[in-house]
Amino acid sequence: MIRAIIELLLTIVVITLLRGVLGIIAKALSGQSKQSAAAQRSANQVPLSGELKKDPACGTYISAATSLKETVSGQTFHFCSKECRDKYVASLAR
């Protein structure tokens, strides 16, 4: 019984060590440096503050920094998606 417990614990330790070594090897082979990974994280972040604009097509509020902008007759409109922008521009063309 004690032998089975010792073998189980030894198996857990070996698996943990193998996972650690394989993780290090995978990071080395991926070729990503810490700087490029940090740049990717900062590029994917959405601003947590800033001015909100209302989408005229669907009525949702969207950050001015991340919205799609369209200027119509000198006035800038902010849209949450391409579909809303296209729908609004099409409604103006009628």
N, C-alpha and C. Protein backbone atom coordinates (compact mmCIF):
# COMPACT_ATOMS: atom_id res chain seq x y z
N MET A 1 0.82 -1.18 0.00
CA MET A 1 0.00 0.00 0.00
C MET A 1 0.87 1.26 0.00
N ILE A 2 1.90 1.27 0.85
CA ILE A 2 2.79 2.43 0.93
C ILE A 2 3.56 2.56 -0.38
N ARG A 3 3.91 1.42 -0.97
CA ARG A 3 4.64 1.45 -2.24
C ARG A 3 3.79 2.11 -3.32
N ALA A 4 2.51 1.84 -3.36
CA ALA A 4 1.61 2.43 -4.36
C ALA A 4 1.51 3.94 -4.18
N ILE A 5 1.46 4.39 -2.93
CA ILE A 5 1.39 5.83 -2.64
C ILE A 5 2.68 6.52 -3.07
N ILE A 6 3.82 5.88 -2.79
CA ILE A 6 5.11 6.46 -3.18
C ILE A 6 5.22 6.53 -4.71
N GLU A 7 4.79 5.47 -5.39
CA GLU A 7 4.82 5.48 -6.85
C GLU A 7 3.90 6.56 -7.42
N LEU A 8 2.75 6.76 -6.82
CA LEU A 8 1.83 7.79 -7.26
C LEU A 8 2.43 9.18 -7.08
N LEU A 9 3.03 9.43 -5.93
CA LEU A 9 3.67 10.71 -5.68
C LEU A 9 4.84 10.94 -6.63
N LEU A 10 5.63 9.91 -6.89
CA LEU A 10 6.75 10.01 -7.81
C LEU A 10 6.26 10.30 -9.23
N THR A 11 5.17 9.68 -9.62
CA THR A 11 4.58 9.93 -10.93
C THR A 11 4.13 11.38 -11.05
N ILE A 12 3.51 11.91 -10.02
CA ILE A 12 3.06 13.30 -10.03
C ILE A 12 4.25 14.25 -10.16
N VAL A 13 5.31 13.98 -9.44
CA VAL A 13 6.51 14.83 -9.51
C VAL A 13 7.12 14.78 -10.91
N VAL A 14 7.22 13.59 -11.50
CA VAL A 14 7.79 13.44 -12.83
C VAL A 14 6.94 14.18 -13.87
N ILE A 15 5.64 14.04 -13.79
CA ILE A 15 4.75 14.72 -14.74
C ILE A 15 4.88 16.23 -14.60
N THR A 16 4.95 16.72 -13.39
CA THR A 16 5.10 18.17 -13.16
C THR A 16 6.40 18.68 -13.75
N LEU A 17 7.49 17.95 -13.54
CA LEU A 17 8.78 18.35 -14.10
C LEU A 17 8.75 18.32 -15.63
N LEU A 18 8.15 17.30 -16.22
CA LEU A 18 8.05 17.21 -17.67
C LEU A 18 7.23 18.36 -18.26
N ARG A 19 6.15 18.71 -17.60
CA ARG A 19 5.34 19.84 -18.08
C ARG A 19 6.13 21.14 -18.03
N GLY A 20 6.91 21.33 -16.99
CA GLY A 20 7.74 22.53 -16.89
C GLY A 20 8.79 22.59 -17.98
N VAL A 21 9.46 21.48 -18.21
CA VAL A 21 10.50 21.43 -19.25
C VAL A 21 9.87 21.64 -20.63
N LEU A 22 8.76 20.98 -20.89
CA LEU A 22 8.09 21.15 -22.19
C LEU A 22 7.60 22.58 -22.38
N GLY A 23 7.16 23.22 -21.33
CA GLY A 23 6.73 24.62 -21.42
C GLY A 23 7.89 25.53 -21.78
N ILE A 24 9.03 25.31 -21.18
CA ILE A 24 10.23 26.11 -21.50
C ILE A 24 10.64 25.88 -22.94
N ILE A 25 10.62 24.64 -23.38
CA ILE A 25 11.00 24.34 -24.77
C ILE A 25 10.02 24.99 -25.74
N ALA A 26 8.73 24.93 -25.45
CA ALA A 26 7.73 25.53 -26.32
C ALA A 26 7.91 27.04 -26.43
N LYS A 27 8.23 27.70 -25.32
CA LYS A 27 8.48 29.15 -25.36
C LYS A 27 9.71 29.48 -26.19
N ALA A 28 10.74 28.65 -26.05
CA ALA A 28 11.97 28.89 -26.81
C ALA A 28 11.74 28.70 -28.30
N LEU A 29 10.93 27.71 -28.67
CA LEU A 29 10.68 27.45 -30.08
C LEU A 29 9.70 28.43 -30.71
N SER A 30 8.87 29.05 -29.90
CA SER A 30 7.88 29.98 -30.46
C SER A 30 8.55 31.23 -30.99
N GLY A 31 9.70 31.61 -30.46
CA GLY A 31 10.45 32.74 -30.97
C GLY A 31 9.93 34.09 -30.54
N GLN A 32 8.98 34.14 -29.65
CA GLN A 32 8.46 35.43 -29.20
C GLN A 32 9.29 35.93 -28.04
N SER A 33 9.75 37.14 -28.18
CA SER A 33 10.46 37.75 -27.06
C SER A 33 9.47 38.39 -26.12
N LYS A 34 9.93 38.76 -24.94
CA LYS A 34 9.05 39.41 -23.97
C LYS A 34 8.55 40.74 -24.49
N GLN A 35 9.38 41.44 -25.25
CA GLN A 35 8.98 42.74 -25.77
C GLN A 35 7.87 42.61 -26.79
N SER A 36 7.96 41.64 -27.70
CA SER A 36 6.91 41.50 -28.71
C SER A 36 5.61 41.02 -28.08
N ALA A 37 5.68 40.19 -27.06
CA ALA A 37 4.47 39.74 -26.37
C ALA A 37 3.81 40.91 -25.65
N ALA A 38 4.63 41.78 -25.03
CA ALA A 38 4.08 42.96 -24.36
C ALA A 38 3.48 43.92 -25.37
N ALA A 39 4.08 44.06 -26.52
CA ALA A 39 3.54 44.93 -27.56
C ALA A 39 2.20 44.41 -28.07
N GLN A 40 2.07 43.10 -28.20
CA GLN A 40 0.80 42.52 -28.64
C GLN A 40 -0.29 42.75 -27.60
N ARG A 41 0.06 42.59 -26.32
CA ARG A 41 -0.94 42.81 -25.28
C ARG A 41 -1.42 44.25 -25.27
N SER A 42 -0.51 45.20 -25.41
CA SER A 42 -0.90 46.61 -25.37
C SER A 42 -1.67 46.99 -26.61
N ALA A 43 -1.40 46.36 -27.75
CA ALA A 43 -2.12 46.67 -28.98
C ALA A 43 -3.55 46.14 -28.93
N ASN A 44 -3.79 45.08 -28.18
CA ASN A 44 -5.12 44.48 -28.11
C ASN A 44 -5.99 45.08 -27.01
N GLN A 45 -5.45 45.98 -26.20
CA GLN A 45 -6.23 46.53 -25.10
C GLN A 45 -7.19 47.60 -25.60
N VAL A 46 -8.36 47.61 -25.02
CA VAL A 46 -9.36 48.62 -25.31
C VAL A 46 -9.27 49.67 -24.21
N PRO A 47 -9.30 50.96 -24.57
CA PRO A 47 -9.22 51.99 -23.54
C PRO A 47 -10.35 51.86 -22.53
N LEU A 48 -10.03 52.03 -21.27
CA LEU A 48 -11.03 51.90 -20.21
C LEU A 48 -11.74 53.21 -19.93
N SER A 49 -11.26 54.28 -20.46
CA SER A 49 -11.91 55.57 -20.25
C SER A 49 -11.93 56.32 -21.57
N GLY A 50 -12.62 57.41 -21.57
CA GLY A 50 -12.69 58.23 -22.78
C GLY A 50 -14.13 58.55 -23.11
N GLU A 51 -14.27 59.28 -24.17
CA GLU A 51 -15.58 59.76 -24.57
C GLU A 51 -16.37 58.65 -25.27
N LEU A 52 -17.65 58.53 -24.93
CA LEU A 52 -18.54 57.58 -25.58
C LEU A 52 -19.39 58.31 -26.61
N LYS A 53 -19.57 57.66 -27.75
CA LYS A 53 -20.39 58.22 -28.82
C LYS A 53 -21.52 57.24 -29.10
N LYS A 54 -22.68 57.77 -29.47
CA LYS A 54 -23.83 56.92 -29.76
C LYS A 54 -23.84 56.57 -31.24
N ASP A 55 -23.99 55.29 -31.51
CA ASP A 55 -24.09 54.80 -32.89
C ASP A 55 -25.46 55.21 -33.41
N PRO A 56 -25.54 56.00 -34.50
CA PRO A 56 -26.84 56.46 -34.99
C PRO A 56 -27.67 55.35 -35.62
N ALA A 57 -27.06 54.24 -36.00
CA ALA A 57 -27.81 53.16 -36.64
C ALA A 57 -28.50 52.25 -35.63
N CYS A 58 -27.78 51.84 -34.59
CA CYS A 58 -28.35 50.87 -33.65
C CYS A 58 -28.55 51.44 -32.25
N GLY A 59 -27.96 52.60 -31.96
CA GLY A 59 -28.19 53.25 -30.68
C GLY A 59 -27.24 52.83 -29.56
N THR A 60 -26.32 51.94 -29.83
CA THR A 60 -25.39 51.55 -28.77
C THR A 60 -24.32 52.63 -28.60
N TYR A 61 -23.70 52.64 -27.43
CA TYR A 61 -22.63 53.59 -27.15
C TYR A 61 -21.29 52.89 -27.37
N ILE A 62 -20.39 53.59 -28.02
CA ILE A 62 -19.09 53.03 -28.38
C ILE A 62 -18.01 54.05 -28.02
N SER A 63 -16.85 53.57 -27.61
CA SER A 63 -15.73 54.45 -27.30
C SER A 63 -15.31 55.18 -28.56
N ALA A 64 -15.09 56.47 -28.46
CA ALA A 64 -14.68 57.26 -29.61
C ALA A 64 -13.34 56.78 -30.15
N ALA A 65 -12.50 56.25 -29.28
CA ALA A 65 -11.17 55.79 -29.69
C ALA A 65 -11.23 54.52 -30.53
N THR A 66 -12.23 53.67 -30.32
CA THR A 66 -12.29 52.40 -31.03
C THR A 66 -13.40 52.33 -32.06
N SER A 67 -14.16 53.39 -32.23
CA SER A 67 -15.29 53.36 -33.15
C SER A 67 -14.84 53.50 -34.59
N LEU A 68 -15.71 53.08 -35.49
CA LEU A 68 -15.51 53.32 -36.92
C LEU A 68 -16.10 54.69 -37.21
N LYS A 69 -15.32 55.54 -37.85
CA LYS A 69 -15.77 56.92 -38.09
C LYS A 69 -16.14 57.10 -39.55
N GLU A 70 -17.21 57.83 -39.79
CA GLU A 70 -17.65 58.16 -41.13
C GLU A 70 -18.07 59.62 -41.13
N THR A 71 -17.55 60.40 -42.07
CA THR A 71 -17.90 61.81 -42.17
C THR A 71 -18.92 61.98 -43.29
N VAL A 72 -20.08 62.53 -42.94
CA VAL A 72 -21.15 62.76 -43.91
C VAL A 72 -21.52 64.23 -43.81
N SER A 73 -21.40 64.94 -44.92
CA SER A 73 -21.73 66.37 -44.99
C SER A 73 -21.00 67.17 -43.92
N GLY A 74 -19.75 66.83 -43.68
CA GLY A 74 -18.93 67.55 -42.72
C GLY A 74 -19.15 67.16 -41.27
N GLN A 75 -20.07 66.25 -41.01
CA GLN A 75 -20.33 65.81 -39.64
C GLN A 75 -19.80 64.39 -39.46
N THR A 76 -19.07 64.16 -38.37
CA THR A 76 -18.48 62.84 -38.11
C THR A 76 -19.43 62.01 -37.26
N PHE A 77 -19.68 60.80 -37.73
CA PHE A 77 -20.52 59.84 -37.01
C PHE A 77 -19.64 58.68 -36.57
N HIS A 78 -19.98 58.09 -35.42
CA HIS A 78 -19.23 56.97 -34.86
C HIS A 78 -20.11 55.74 -34.88
N PHE A 79 -19.55 54.61 -35.37
CA PHE A 79 -20.31 53.37 -35.51
C PHE A 79 -19.60 52.23 -34.78
N CYS A 80 -20.41 51.29 -34.30
CA CYS A 80 -19.85 50.14 -33.56
C CYS A 80 -19.38 49.05 -34.50
N SER A 81 -19.88 49.01 -35.73
CA SER A 81 -19.49 47.95 -36.66
C SER A 81 -19.64 48.44 -38.10
N LYS A 82 -19.06 47.68 -39.01
CA LYS A 82 -19.18 48.00 -40.43
C LYS A 82 -20.64 47.89 -40.89
N GLU A 83 -21.33 46.90 -40.34
CA GLU A 83 -22.72 46.69 -40.73
C GLU A 83 -23.58 47.90 -40.37
N CYS A 84 -23.39 48.44 -39.15
CA CYS A 84 -24.15 49.62 -38.74
C CYS A 84 -23.79 50.83 -39.61
N ARG A 85 -22.51 50.97 -39.91
CA ARG A 85 -22.08 52.08 -40.76
C ARG A 85 -22.71 51.98 -42.14
N ASP A 86 -22.67 50.79 -42.74
CA ASP A 86 -23.23 50.60 -44.07
C ASP A 86 -24.74 50.80 -44.07
N LYS A 87 -25.41 50.35 -43.02
CA LYS A 87 -26.86 50.51 -42.91
C LYS A 87 -27.23 51.99 -42.82
N TYR A 88 -26.45 52.74 -42.05
CA TYR A 88 -26.74 54.18 -41.89
C TYR A 88 -26.47 54.94 -43.19
N VAL A 89 -25.37 54.65 -43.85
CA VAL A 89 -25.04 55.32 -45.12
C VAL A 89 -26.08 54.98 -46.18
N ALA A 90 -26.55 53.73 -46.20
CA ALA A 90 -27.58 53.33 -47.16
C ALA A 90 -28.88 54.06 -46.90
N SER A 91 -29.22 54.29 -45.61
CA SER A 91 -30.47 55.00 -45.31
C SER A 91 -30.39 56.45 -45.73
N LEU A 92 -29.21 57.03 -45.76
CA LEU A 92 -29.04 58.43 -46.22
C LEU A 92 -29.18 58.52 -47.74
N ALA A 93 -28.83 57.46 -48.44
CA ALA A 93 -28.85 57.48 -49.90
C ALA A 93 -30.27 57.39 -50.46
N ARG A 94 -31.25 57.00 -49.65
CA ARG A 94 -32.63 56.85 -50.15
C ARG A 94 -33.26 58.15 -50.43
